[in-house]
C-alpha atoms as a PDB file:
ATOM      1  CA  MET A   1     114.053 135.376 111.034  1.00  0.00           C
ATOM      2  CA  GLY A   2     115.703 132.133 109.943  1.00  0.00           C
ATOM      3  CA  LEU A   3     112.978 131.508 107.404  1.00  0.00           C
ATOM      4  CA  THR A   4     113.685 134.750 105.599  1.00  0.00           C
ATOM      5  CA  LEU A   5     117.324 134.049 104.785  1.00  0.00           C
ATOM      6  CA  PRO A   6     117.872 132.261 101.443  1.00  0.00           C
ATOM      7  CA  GLU A   7     120.977 130.150 100.901  1.00  0.00           C
ATOM      8  CA  ILE A   8     122.480 132.566  98.433  1.00  0.00           C
ATOM      9  CA  VAL A   9     122.788 135.280 101.086  1.00  0.00           C
ATOM     10  CA  LEU A  10     124.764 132.941 103.336  1.00  0.00           C
ATOM     11  CA  ILE A  11     127.134 131.567 100.692  1.00  0.00           C
ATOM     12  CA  THR A  12     130.067 133.902 101.425  1.00  0.00           C
ATOM     13  CA  PRO A  13     130.123 133.481 105.241  1.00  0.00           C
ATOM     14  CA  LEU A  14     129.525 129.740 104.880  1.00  0.00           C
ATOM     15  CA  PHE A  15     132.348 129.424 102.373  1.00  0.00           C
ATOM     16  CA  ALA A  16     134.724 131.390 104.664  1.00  0.00           C
ATOM     17  CA  THR A  17     133.734 129.204 107.631  1.00  0.00           C
ATOM     18  CA  ALA A  18     134.133 125.964 105.706  1.00  0.00           C
ATOM     19  CA  ALA A  19     137.528 126.996 104.431  1.00  0.00           C
ATOM     20  CA  ALA A  20     138.684 128.102 107.884  1.00  0.00           C
ATOM     21  CA  THR A  21     137.538 124.949 109.651  1.00  0.00           C
ATOM     22  CA  GLY A  22     138.827 122.553 107.019  1.00  0.00           C
ATOM     23  CA  LEU A  23     135.376 121.361 106.000  1.00  0.00           C
ATOM     24  CA  TYR A  24     135.614 122.553 102.396  1.00  0.00           C
ATOM     25  CA  ASP A  25     135.135 119.681  99.930  1.00  0.00           C
ATOM     26  CA  THR A  26     133.632 117.444 102.594  1.00  0.00           C
ATOM     27  CA  LEU A  27     129.991 116.438 102.948  1.00  0.00           C
ATOM     28  CA  TRP A  28     129.848 118.149 106.364  1.00  0.00           C
ATOM     29  CA  ALA A  29     130.214 121.501 104.576  1.00  0.00           C
ATOM     30  CA  VAL A  30     126.770 120.782 103.041  1.00  0.00           C
ATOM     31  CA  ILE A  31     125.138 118.784 105.835  1.00  0.00           C
ATOM     32  CA  ILE A  32     125.577 121.330 108.627  1.00  0.00           C
ATOM     33  CA  PRO A  33     124.197 124.392 106.812  1.00  0.00           C
ATOM     34  CA  THR A  34     121.374 122.411 105.302  1.00  0.00           C
ATOM     35  CA  ALA A  35     120.332 121.087 108.696  1.00  0.00           C
ATOM     36  CA  ALA A  36     120.629 124.558 110.249  1.00  0.00           C
ATOM     37  CA  LEU A  37     118.484 126.078 107.477  1.00  0.00           C
ATOM     38  CA  GLN A  38     115.762 123.421 108.076  1.00  0.00           C
ATOM     39  CA  ILE A  39     115.431 124.045 111.813  1.00  0.00           C
ATOM     40  CA  PRO A  40     113.249 127.222 111.669  1.00  0.00           C
ATOM     41  CA  PHE A  41     110.663 125.736 109.324  1.00  0.00           C
ATOM     42  CA  THR A  42     110.558 122.430 111.226  1.00  0.00           C
ATOM     43  CA  VAL A  43     110.107 124.152 114.559  1.00  0.00           C
ATOM     44  CA  LEU A  44     107.309 126.312 113.104  1.00  0.00           C
ATOM     45  CA  ILE A  45     105.212 123.415 111.803  1.00  0.00           C
ATOM     46  CA  VAL A  46     105.902 121.064 114.715  1.00  0.00           C
ATOM     47  CA  ARG A  47     105.030 123.749 117.309  1.00  0.00           C
ATOM     48  CA  SER A  48     101.806 124.512 115.431  1.00  0.00           C
ATOM     49  CA  PHE A  49     100.956 120.833 115.438  1.00  0.00           C
ATOM     50  CA  PHE A  50     101.603 120.350 119.180  1.00  0.00           C
ATOM     51  CA  ASP A  51      99.654 123.497 120.068  1.00  0.00           C
ATOM     52  CA  GLY A  52      96.662 121.784 118.441  1.00  0.00           C
ATOM     53  CA  ILE A  53      96.725 118.812 120.879  1.00  0.00           C
ATOM     54  CA  PRO A  54      93.936 119.400 123.426  1.00  0.00           C
ATOM     55  CA  ASN A  55      95.057 119.966 127.012  1.00  0.00           C
ATOM     56  CA  GLU A  56      92.175 117.817 128.164  1.00  0.00           C
ATOM     57  CA  LEU A  57      94.175 114.726 127.063  1.00  0.00           C
ATOM     58  CA  PHE A  58      96.981 115.649 129.466  1.00  0.00           C
ATOM     59  CA  GLU A  59      94.589 116.592 132.261  1.00  0.00           C
ATOM     60  CA  ALA A  60      92.847 113.242 131.971  1.00  0.00           C
ATOM     61  CA  ALA A  61      96.186 111.442 132.001  1.00  0.00           C
ATOM     62  CA  ARG A  62      97.238 113.404 135.122  1.00  0.00           C
ATOM     63  CA  ALA A  63      93.925 112.529 136.797  1.00  0.00           C
ATOM     64  CA  GLU A  64      94.712 108.841 136.101  1.00  0.00           C
ATOM     65  CA  GLY A  65      98.130 109.279 137.755  1.00  0.00           C
ATOM     66  CA  ALA A  66     100.312 109.222 134.658  1.00  0.00           C
ATOM     67  CA  SER A  67     103.814 110.644 134.952  1.00  0.00           C
ATOM     68  CA  THR A  68     105.246 113.101 132.453  1.00  0.00           C
ATOM     69  CA  LEU A  69     107.196 110.303 130.760  1.00  0.00           C
ATOM     70  CA  ARG A  70     104.092 108.124 130.567  1.00  0.00           C
ATOM     71  CA  MET A  71     102.104 110.990 128.999  1.00  0.00           C
ATOM     72  CA  PHE A  72     104.860 111.526 126.453  1.00  0.00           C
ATOM     73  CA  VAL A  73     105.043 107.848 125.522  1.00  0.00           C
ATOM     74  CA  SER A  74     101.281 107.185 125.549  1.00  0.00           C
ATOM     75  CA  ILE A  75      99.883 110.437 124.206  1.00  0.00           C
ATOM     76  CA  VAL A  76     102.460 112.575 122.419  1.00  0.00           C
ATOM     77  CA  LEU A  77     104.364 109.910 120.516  1.00  0.00           C
ATOM     78  CA  PRO A  78     101.374 108.190 118.962  1.00  0.00           C
ATOM     79  CA  LEU A  79      99.828 111.545 117.980  1.00  0.00           C
ATOM     80  CA  SER A  80     103.118 112.837 116.471  1.00  0.00           C
ATOM     81  CA  ARG A  81     103.390 110.254 113.674  1.00  0.00           C
ATOM     82  CA  PRO A  82     101.702 112.483 111.088  1.00  0.00           C
ATOM     83  CA  ILE A  83     103.827 115.513 111.852  1.00  0.00           C
ATOM     84  CA  ALA A  84     106.976 113.400 111.935  1.00  0.00           C
ATOM     85  CA  ALA A  85     106.182 112.020 108.457  1.00  0.00           C
ATOM     86  CA  THR A  86     105.470 115.567 107.201  1.00  0.00           C
ATOM     87  CA  VAL A  87     108.750 116.857 108.554  1.00  0.00           C
ATOM     88  CA  VAL A  88     110.683 113.882 107.131  1.00  0.00           C
ATOM     89  CA  ILE A  89     109.153 114.319 103.648  1.00  0.00           C
ATOM     90  CA  LEU A  90     109.516 118.120 103.467  1.00  0.00           C
ATOM     91  CA  THR A  91     113.048 118.039 104.857  1.00  0.00           C
ATOM     92  CA  LEU A  92     114.041 115.206 102.540  1.00  0.00           C
ATOM     93  CA  ILE A  93     112.717 117.001  99.505  1.00  0.00           C
ATOM     94  CA  THR A  94     114.449 120.259 100.448  1.00  0.00           C
ATOM     95  CA  SER A  95     117.741 118.569 101.326  1.00  0.00           C
ATOM     96  CA  TRP A  96     117.701 116.155  98.382  1.00  0.00           C
ATOM     97  CA  ASN A  97     117.043 118.937  95.883  1.00  0.00           C
ATOM     98  CA  ALA A  98     119.853 121.136  97.258  1.00  0.00           C
ATOM     99  CA  TYR A  99     121.931 122.308  94.325  1.00  0.00           C
ATOM    100  CA  LEU A 100     123.697 125.506  95.343  1.00  0.00           C
ATOM    101  CA  LEU A 101     125.501 124.313  98.467  1.00  0.00           C
ATOM    102  CA  PRO A 102     126.902 121.069  96.895  1.00  0.00           C
ATOM    103  CA  LEU A 103     127.881 123.027  93.820  1.00  0.00           C
ATOM    104  CA  VAL A 104     129.911 125.532  95.837  1.00  0.00           C
ATOM    105  CA  PHE A 105     131.330 123.283  98.570  1.00  0.00           C
ATOM    106  CA  LEU A 106     131.913 119.895  96.897  1.00  0.00           C
ATOM    107  CA  GLN A 107     134.561 120.107  94.185  1.00  0.00           C
ATOM    108  CA  SER A 108     135.916 116.529  93.968  1.00  0.00           C
ATOM    109  CA  ALA A 109     133.886 114.046  92.013  1.00  0.00           C
ATOM    110  CA  ASP A 110     133.974 111.579  94.919  1.00  0.00           C
ATOM    111  CA  ASN A 111     132.050 113.913  97.179  1.00  0.00           C
ATOM    112  CA  GLN A 112     129.478 115.351  94.805  1.00  0.00           C
ATOM    113  CA  THR A 113     125.796 114.676  95.366  1.00  0.00           C
ATOM    114  CA  VAL A 114     123.358 113.210  92.882  1.00  0.00           C
ATOM    115  CA  THR A 115     121.750 116.607  92.261  1.00  0.00           C
ATOM    116  CA  LEU A 116     124.914 117.619  90.459  1.00  0.00           C
ATOM    117  CA  LEU A 117     124.459 114.696  88.042  1.00  0.00           C
ATOM    118  CA  SER A 118     122.841 116.839  85.408  1.00  0.00           C
ATOM    119  CA  GLN A 119     125.735 119.237  85.470  1.00  0.00           C
ATOM    120  CA  PHE A 120     128.121 116.293  84.934  1.00  0.00           C
ATOM    121  CA  PHE A 121     126.279 115.252  81.750  1.00  0.00           C
ATOM    122  CA  VAL A 122     126.102 118.778  80.443  1.00  0.00           C
ATOM    123  CA  GLY A 123     129.810 119.322  80.972  1.00  0.00           C
ATOM    124  CA  LYS A 124     131.214 115.968  79.964  1.00  0.00           C
ATOM    125  CA  PHE A 125     129.008 115.030  77.013  1.00  0.00           C
ATOM    126  CA  VAL A 126     128.164 118.418  75.534  1.00  0.00           C
ATOM    127  CA  ASN A 127     124.620 118.766  76.793  1.00  0.00           C
ATOM    128  CA  ASP A 128     123.293 115.260  76.282  1.00  0.00           C
ATOM    129  CA  GLN A 129     119.647 115.907  77.164  1.00  0.00           C
ATOM    130  CA  THR A 130     118.623 112.246  77.245  1.00  0.00           C
ATOM    131  CA  LYS A 131     121.195 111.495  79.958  1.00  0.00           C
ATOM    132  CA  VAL A 132     120.253 114.676  81.822  1.00  0.00           C
ATOM    133  CA  LEU A 133     116.581 113.695  81.866  1.00  0.00           C
ATOM    134  CA  ALA A 134     117.311 110.054  82.772  1.00  0.00           C
ATOM    135  CA  GLY A 135     119.529 111.279  85.616  1.00  0.00           C
ATOM    136  CA  SER A 136     116.707 113.611  86.796  1.00  0.00           C
ATOM    137  CA  VAL A 137     114.274 110.659  86.952  1.00  0.00           C
ATOM    138  CA  ILE A 138     116.783 108.602  88.971  1.00  0.00           C
ATOM    139  CA  VAL A 139     117.371 111.557  91.327  1.00  0.00           C
ATOM    140  CA  ALA A 140     113.579 111.965  91.880  1.00  0.00           C
ATOM    141  CA  LEU A 141     112.902 108.297  92.712  1.00  0.00           C
ATOM    142  CA  PRO A 142     113.827 108.422  96.475  1.00  0.00           C
ATOM    143  CA  GLU A 143     111.527 111.443  97.005  1.00  0.00           C
ATOM    144  CA  ILE A 144     108.664 109.755  95.218  1.00  0.00           C
ATOM    145  CA  LEU A 145     109.177 106.573  97.154  1.00  0.00           C
ATOM    146  CA  ALA A 146     109.274 108.409 100.536  1.00  0.00           C
ATOM    147  CA  TYR A 147     106.058 110.253  99.664  1.00  0.00           C
ATOM    148  CA  VAL A 148     104.232 107.106  98.566  1.00  0.00           C
ATOM    149  CA  LEU A 149     105.260 105.256 101.739  1.00  0.00           C
ATOM    150  CA  LEU A 150     104.394 108.121 104.103  1.00  0.00           C
ATOM    151  CA  GLN A 151     101.478 109.646 102.156  1.00  0.00           C
ATOM    152  CA  ARG A 152      98.707 108.893 104.646  1.00  0.00           C
ATOM    153  CA  TYR A 153     100.690 110.412 107.561  1.00  0.00           C
ATOM    154  CA  PHE A 154     101.854 113.340 105.439  1.00  0.00           C
ATOM    155  CA  GLU A 155      98.309 114.432 104.558  1.00  0.00           C
ATOM    156  CA  LYS A 156      97.172 114.131 108.198  1.00  0.00           C
ATOM    157  CA  GLY A 157     100.202 116.141 109.314  1.00  0.00           C
ATOM    158  CA  LEU A 158      99.539 118.962 106.861  1.00  0.00           C
ATOM    159  CA  THR A 159      95.926 119.317 107.868  1.00  0.00           C
ATOM    160  CA  ALA A 160      96.282 118.697 111.628  1.00  0.00           C
ATOM    161  CA  GLY A 161      96.894 122.271 112.690  1.00  0.00           C
ATOM    162  CA  ALA A 162      94.355 123.784 110.288  1.00  0.00           C
ATOM    163  CA  VAL A 163      91.247 123.380 112.472  1.00  0.00           C
ATOM    164  CA  LYS A 164      91.099 123.615 116.225  1.00  0.00           C
END
């Protein structure tokens, strides 16, 4: 159900909650809803990944006398690097590209995120497209860097649950 709700549907209750709790115009007014909106998708892909781990690995570890903690450290953690990289990249991209929540909740210039940079150049310098495009490239650099650094894990994580 959480995957079906877009941000725009939640703006009014989130705004009322942020205003009532004193979080309006703070970064927490964006961080908390963004994290909450990422949980359903993350749980879906991580659960699918872990369902694909063969039970024979755990049975063999139990036969060798491994405890639950040892199985977690020796089996689950090494196998979960690809899905962790996939979750980090997809969550980073979604969170980094967030435009609506920062636009509504962050009014002071000190708190605004980099995704609002293009709006700053359109408003202040009467639609200076060169600065808007330069700002867009700067905003995209962390995502590109994260993908390049985690690319091999990302591709494994995306394809891990496809074939059993």
